[in-house]
């Protein structure tokens, strides 16, 4: 064969091969399916469009995850493309869904759980703000006069006011039956406003000279415990008592 013909023949083969690849690539693009791109890669694993075919397959899988839009769908995508072109976007979508779930619950526990997963970033800042807002709402709800009965059946009243930006127990009135070795006695106590027990995370604790008071605000109720110790007025030694209470806010004093 003429030496001049050989190079021309090789160029012709290359041209035919390239023309075939271009045509098959256009067909794959036209169909735009995972199967079409995979078939193309089987025929041209090292071809000019191999990288683009791989990217298109990843893109289609990501679109499928977006269509479902669940944590599980994006997590499954990341199992196959943890370092892929859309990996960061998949991670962002997972984070967004977790935050949406926290917002739907709108509780301190839900936002705290979110922050355990994602302690930094825009959503983390929003979660912290939401927690602060819930605490603030709880604080406002605690302000007022709470009234009810102790487990002994006696009246008890607790005053809660805003002091230096924090809800604070400032007053307490109660009657209590205290037992001693040789008898029992009932006393009524009215404490001045110098009582100061700051409410933190919807809870408070206070220890006085002859009593201990604690409580938890749960929705529209105040549940707590009161322990009292005093000298028996008839000289029967030390008298003690431990009672529980469930109080409701007096709406007239809001």
Protein backbone atom coordinates (compact mmCIF):
# COMPACT_ATOMS: atom_id res chain seq x y z
CA UNK A 1 0.00 0.00 0.00
CA UNK A 2 1.21 3.47 -0.84
CA UNK A 3 2.81 5.12 2.19
CA UNK A 4 0.84 8.27 1.48
CA UNK A 5 -2.43 6.36 1.59
CA UNK A 6 -1.86 4.86 5.08
CA UNK A 7 -2.04 8.17 7.02
CA UNK A 8 -5.10 9.16 5.07
CA UNK A 9 -6.73 5.83 5.87
CA UNK A 10 -5.98 6.21 9.59
CA UNK A 11 -7.43 9.72 9.61
CA UNK A 12 -10.52 8.34 7.94
CA UNK A 13 -10.92 5.68 10.65
CA UNK A 14 -10.51 8.29 13.38
CA UNK A 15 -13.06 10.48 11.66
CA UNK A 16 -15.53 7.63 11.40
CA UNK A 17 -14.96 6.73 15.07
CA UNK A 18 -15.41 10.32 16.24
CA UNK A 19 -18.47 10.77 14.11
CA UNK A 20 -19.98 7.62 15.66
CA UNK A 21 -19.21 8.78 19.20
CA UNK A 22 -20.65 12.23 18.54
CA UNK A 23 -23.79 10.74 17.13
CA UNK A 24 -24.21 8.31 20.05
CA UNK A 25 -23.57 11.09 22.52
CA UNK A 26 -26.25 13.27 20.96
CA UNK A 27 -28.63 10.35 21.12
CA UNK A 28 -27.82 9.82 24.81
CA UNK A 29 -28.32 13.52 25.51
CA UNK A 30 -31.61 13.47 23.65
CA UNK A 31 -32.90 10.54 25.68
CA UNK A 32 -31.34 11.97 28.88
CA UNK A 33 -31.79 8.89 31.02
CA UNK A 34 -29.51 6.91 33.28
CA UNK A 35 -29.79 3.92 31.01
CA UNK A 36 -28.86 5.94 27.91
CA UNK A 37 -25.75 7.40 29.55
CA UNK A 38 -24.71 4.05 31.00
CA UNK A 39 -25.04 2.41 27.56
CA UNK A 40 -22.93 5.20 26.10
CA UNK A 41 -20.22 4.65 28.74
CA UNK A 42 -20.14 0.93 28.02
CA UNK A 43 -19.31 1.73 24.41
CA UNK A 44 -17.03 4.71 25.06
CA UNK A 45 -15.58 4.31 28.61
CA UNK A 46 -12.60 6.53 27.72
CA UNK A 47 -14.38 8.67 25.18
CA UNK A 48 -14.49 12.41 24.84
CA UNK A 49 -17.84 12.64 26.61
CA UNK A 50 -17.24 10.00 29.31
CA UNK A 51 -16.87 12.51 32.16
CA UNK A 52 -19.91 14.42 31.02
CA UNK A 53 -21.92 11.20 30.88
CA UNK A 54 -20.93 10.38 34.46
CA UNK A 55 -21.95 13.86 35.57
CA UNK A 56 -25.30 13.58 33.84
CA UNK A 57 -25.99 10.26 35.58
CA UNK A 58 -25.21 11.88 38.94
CA UNK A 59 -27.44 14.85 38.06
CA UNK A 60 -30.38 12.58 37.26
CA UNK A 61 -29.95 10.66 40.53
CA UNK A 62 -29.88 13.98 42.39
CA UNK A 63 -33.04 15.12 40.61
CA UNK A 64 -34.71 11.91 41.75
CA UNK A 65 -33.66 12.65 45.34
CA UNK A 66 -34.98 16.20 45.02
CA UNK A 67 -38.32 14.90 43.73
CA UNK A 68 -38.73 12.75 46.85
CA UNK A 69 -37.14 15.43 49.07
CA UNK A 70 -36.58 13.31 52.17
CA UNK A 71 -33.58 12.78 54.41
CA UNK A 72 -33.48 9.13 53.36
CA UNK A 73 -33.46 9.99 49.64
CA UNK A 74 -30.55 12.43 49.97
CA UNK A 75 -28.67 10.06 52.27
CA UNK A 76 -29.03 7.28 49.69
CA UNK A 77 -27.71 9.63 47.00
CA UNK A 78 -24.68 10.46 49.17
CA UNK A 79 -23.87 6.77 49.58
CA UNK A 80 -23.07 6.71 45.86
CA UNK A 81 -21.80 10.27 45.37
CA UNK A 82 -20.27 11.41 48.66
CA UNK A 83 -17.64 13.41 46.76
CA UNK A 84 -19.79 14.25 43.75
CA UNK A 85 -20.78 17.51 42.14
CA UNK A 86 -24.08 17.65 44.07
CA UNK A 87 -22.84 16.28 47.41
CA UNK A 88 -22.76 19.67 49.15
CA UNK A 89 -26.27 20.47 47.94
CA UNK A 90 -27.54 17.11 49.19
CA UNK A 91 -26.01 17.78 52.61
CA UNK A 92 -27.62 21.23 52.64
CA UNK A 93 -31.01 19.76 51.81
CA UNK A 94 -30.71 17.21 54.62
CA UNK A 95 -29.89 20.00 57.06
CA UNK A 96 -32.84 22.06 55.83
CA UNK A 97 -35.24 19.14 56.30
CA UNK A 98 -33.97 18.50 59.84
CA UNK A 99 -34.57 22.18 60.62
CA UNK A 100 -38.06 22.04 59.11
CA UNK A 101 -38.83 19.11 61.41
CA UNK A 102 -37.56 21.09 64.40
CA UNK A 103 -39.71 24.06 63.38
CA UNK A 104 -42.76 21.82 63.00
CA UNK A 105 -42.29 20.55 66.57
CA UNK A 106 -41.27 24.04 67.79
CA UNK A 107 -39.96 22.81 71.14
CA UNK A 108 -36.73 23.43 72.99
CA UNK A 109 -35.95 19.72 72.78
CA UNK A 110 -36.43 19.64 68.98
CA UNK A 111 -34.14 22.62 68.38
CA UNK A 112 -31.56 21.27 70.85
CA UNK A 113 -31.56 17.96 68.97
CA UNK A 114 -30.98 19.86 65.72
CA UNK A 115 -28.04 21.71 67.28
CA UNK A 116 -26.47 18.40 68.29
CA UNK A 117 -26.30 17.57 64.58
CA UNK A 118 -25.48 21.04 63.25
CA UNK A 119 -23.89 23.39 65.77
CA UNK A 120 -22.80 25.97 63.21
CA UNK A 121 -24.30 27.79 60.25
CA UNK A 122 -27.41 29.80 59.44
CA UNK A 123 -29.85 27.17 60.63
CA UNK A 124 -27.93 26.76 63.90
CA UNK A 125 -28.27 30.49 64.56
CA UNK A 126 -31.99 30.28 63.80
CA UNK A 127 -32.38 27.29 66.15
CA UNK A 128 -30.72 29.20 69.00
CA UNK A 129 -32.96 32.20 68.36
CA UNK A 130 -36.03 29.93 68.41
CA UNK A 131 -34.94 28.44 71.74
CA UNK A 132 -34.52 31.92 73.22
CA UNK A 133 -37.97 32.90 71.92
CA UNK A 134 -39.59 29.86 73.52
CA UNK A 135 -37.87 30.56 76.84
CA UNK A 136 -39.04 34.16 76.64
CA UNK A 137 -42.63 33.10 75.96
CA UNK A 138 -42.45 30.68 78.87
CA UNK A 139 -41.11 33.45 81.08
CA UNK A 140 -43.99 35.75 80.15
CA UNK A 141 -46.47 32.96 80.79
CA UNK A 142 -45.07 32.49 84.31
CA UNK A 143 -45.71 36.10 85.37
CA UNK A 144 -48.74 36.47 87.64
CA UNK A 145 -50.48 35.11 90.71
CA UNK A 146 -50.73 31.33 91.01
CA UNK A 147 -53.34 29.88 93.37
CA UNK A 148 -54.51 26.47 94.47
CA UNK A 149 -54.42 23.85 97.21
CA UNK A 150 -51.63 21.84 98.77
CA UNK A 151 -51.87 18.07 99.10
CA UNK A 152 -53.16 18.76 102.64
CA UNK A 153 -56.06 20.80 101.25
CA UNK A 154 -54.84 24.21 102.45
CA UNK A 155 -54.67 27.35 100.29
CA UNK A 156 -51.36 28.36 98.76
CA UNK A 157 -50.52 31.42 96.64
CA UNK A 158 -47.30 32.14 94.76
CA UNK A 159 -46.47 35.49 93.17
CA UNK A 160 -44.19 35.67 90.12
CA UNK A 161 -42.89 38.98 88.79
CA UNK A 162 -40.39 40.11 86.18
CA UNK A 163 -37.23 41.19 87.98
CA UNK A 164 -34.21 42.42 86.00
CA UNK A 165 -35.54 40.75 82.88
CA UNK A 166 -36.15 37.35 84.52
CA UNK A 167 -39.35 35.84 85.97
CA UNK A 168 -38.86 35.64 89.72
CA UNK A 169 -40.90 34.19 92.58
CA UNK A 170 -41.35 37.15 94.91
CA UNK A 171 -44.20 36.17 97.22
CA UNK A 172 -45.58 33.13 99.00
CA UNK A 173 -48.63 32.56 101.23
CA UNK A 174 -49.59 29.18 102.59
CA UNK A 175 -51.10 27.26 105.48
CA UNK A 176 -49.60 23.94 106.46
CA UNK A 177 -50.19 21.25 109.11
CA UNK A 178 -46.92 20.27 110.71
CA UNK A 179 -46.34 17.12 112.73
CA UNK A 180 -44.15 16.70 115.78
CA UNK A 181 -43.46 13.84 118.19
CA UNK A 182 -46.45 14.63 120.43
CA UNK A 183 -48.93 16.43 118.21
CA UNK A 184 -49.50 18.63 115.20
CA UNK A 185 -49.93 22.32 114.51
CA UNK A 186 -51.10 24.51 111.64
CA UNK A 187 -49.36 27.73 110.71
CA UNK A 188 -50.03 30.41 108.13
CA UNK A 189 -47.09 32.15 106.52
CA UNK A 190 -47.00 35.32 104.42
CA UNK A 191 -43.59 36.15 103.05
CA UNK A 192 -42.58 39.69 102.03
CA UNK A 193 -41.54 40.47 98.44
CA UNK A 194 -37.88 40.16 99.38
CA UNK A 195 -38.27 36.49 98.55
CA UNK A 196 -36.32 36.01 95.31
CA UNK A 197 -36.25 32.74 93.36
CA UNK A 198 -35.37 33.18 89.70
CA UNK A 199 -37.23 30.95 87.25
CA UNK A 200 -34.76 29.21 84.93
CA UNK A 201 -35.81 26.73 82.25
CA UNK A 202 -39.34 26.91 83.69
CA UNK A 203 -38.08 25.79 87.13
CA UNK A 204 -37.24 27.44 90.45
CA UNK A 205 -35.82 26.43 93.82
CA UNK A 206 -35.62 28.42 97.02
CA UNK A 207 -34.41 27.67 100.55
CA UNK A 208 -35.57 29.89 103.41
CA UNK A 209 -34.71 29.74 107.09
CA UNK A 210 -37.50 27.27 107.87
CA UNK A 211 -38.78 26.04 104.52
CA UNK A 212 -37.82 24.91 101.02
CA UNK A 213 -39.85 25.69 97.93
CA UNK A 214 -39.52 24.34 94.39
CA UNK A 215 -41.71 24.34 91.32
CA UNK A 216 -42.00 23.63 87.61
CA UNK A 217 -44.18 25.54 85.14
CA UNK A 218 -45.81 23.13 82.69
CA UNK A 219 -48.20 24.83 80.31
CA UNK A 220 -51.00 26.38 82.37
CA UNK A 221 -50.06 24.80 85.69
CA UNK A 222 -47.41 25.28 88.35
CA UNK A 223 -46.47 22.03 90.08
CA UNK A 224 -44.16 21.97 93.06
CA UNK A 225 -43.14 20.94 96.53
CA UNK A 226 -43.02 22.73 99.89
CA UNK A 227 -41.10 21.49 102.92
CA UNK A 228 -41.33 23.32 106.24
CA UNK A 229 -39.59 22.94 109.59
CA UNK A 230 -40.38 24.92 112.73
CA UNK A 231 -40.45 24.74 116.52
CA UNK A 232 -43.79 23.41 117.73
CA UNK A 233 -45.69 26.23 119.48
CA UNK A 234 -46.73 23.93 122.37
CA UNK A 235 -43.16 22.89 122.96
CA UNK A 236 -43.43 19.44 121.39
CA UNK A 237 -40.06 19.75 119.70
CA UNK A 238 -39.49 20.34 115.98
CA UNK A 239 -42.52 20.21 113.69
CA UNK A 240 -42.12 19.27 110.01
CA UNK A 241 -44.22 18.94 106.89
CA UNK A 242 -43.73 18.11 103.23
CA UNK A 243 -46.54 18.85 100.77
CA UNK A 244 -47.05 19.07 97.02
CA UNK A 245 -49.23 21.48 95.07
CA UNK A 246 -50.69 22.10 91.62
CA UNK A 247 -51.61 25.73 90.99
CA UNK A 248 -53.44 27.66 88.29
CA UNK A 249 -52.83 31.26 87.31
CA UNK A 250 -55.42 33.74 88.49
CA UNK A 251 -56.38 35.29 85.14
CA UNK A 252 -57.83 38.34 86.86
CA UNK A 253 -54.31 39.26 87.97
CA UNK A 254 -52.58 38.93 84.56
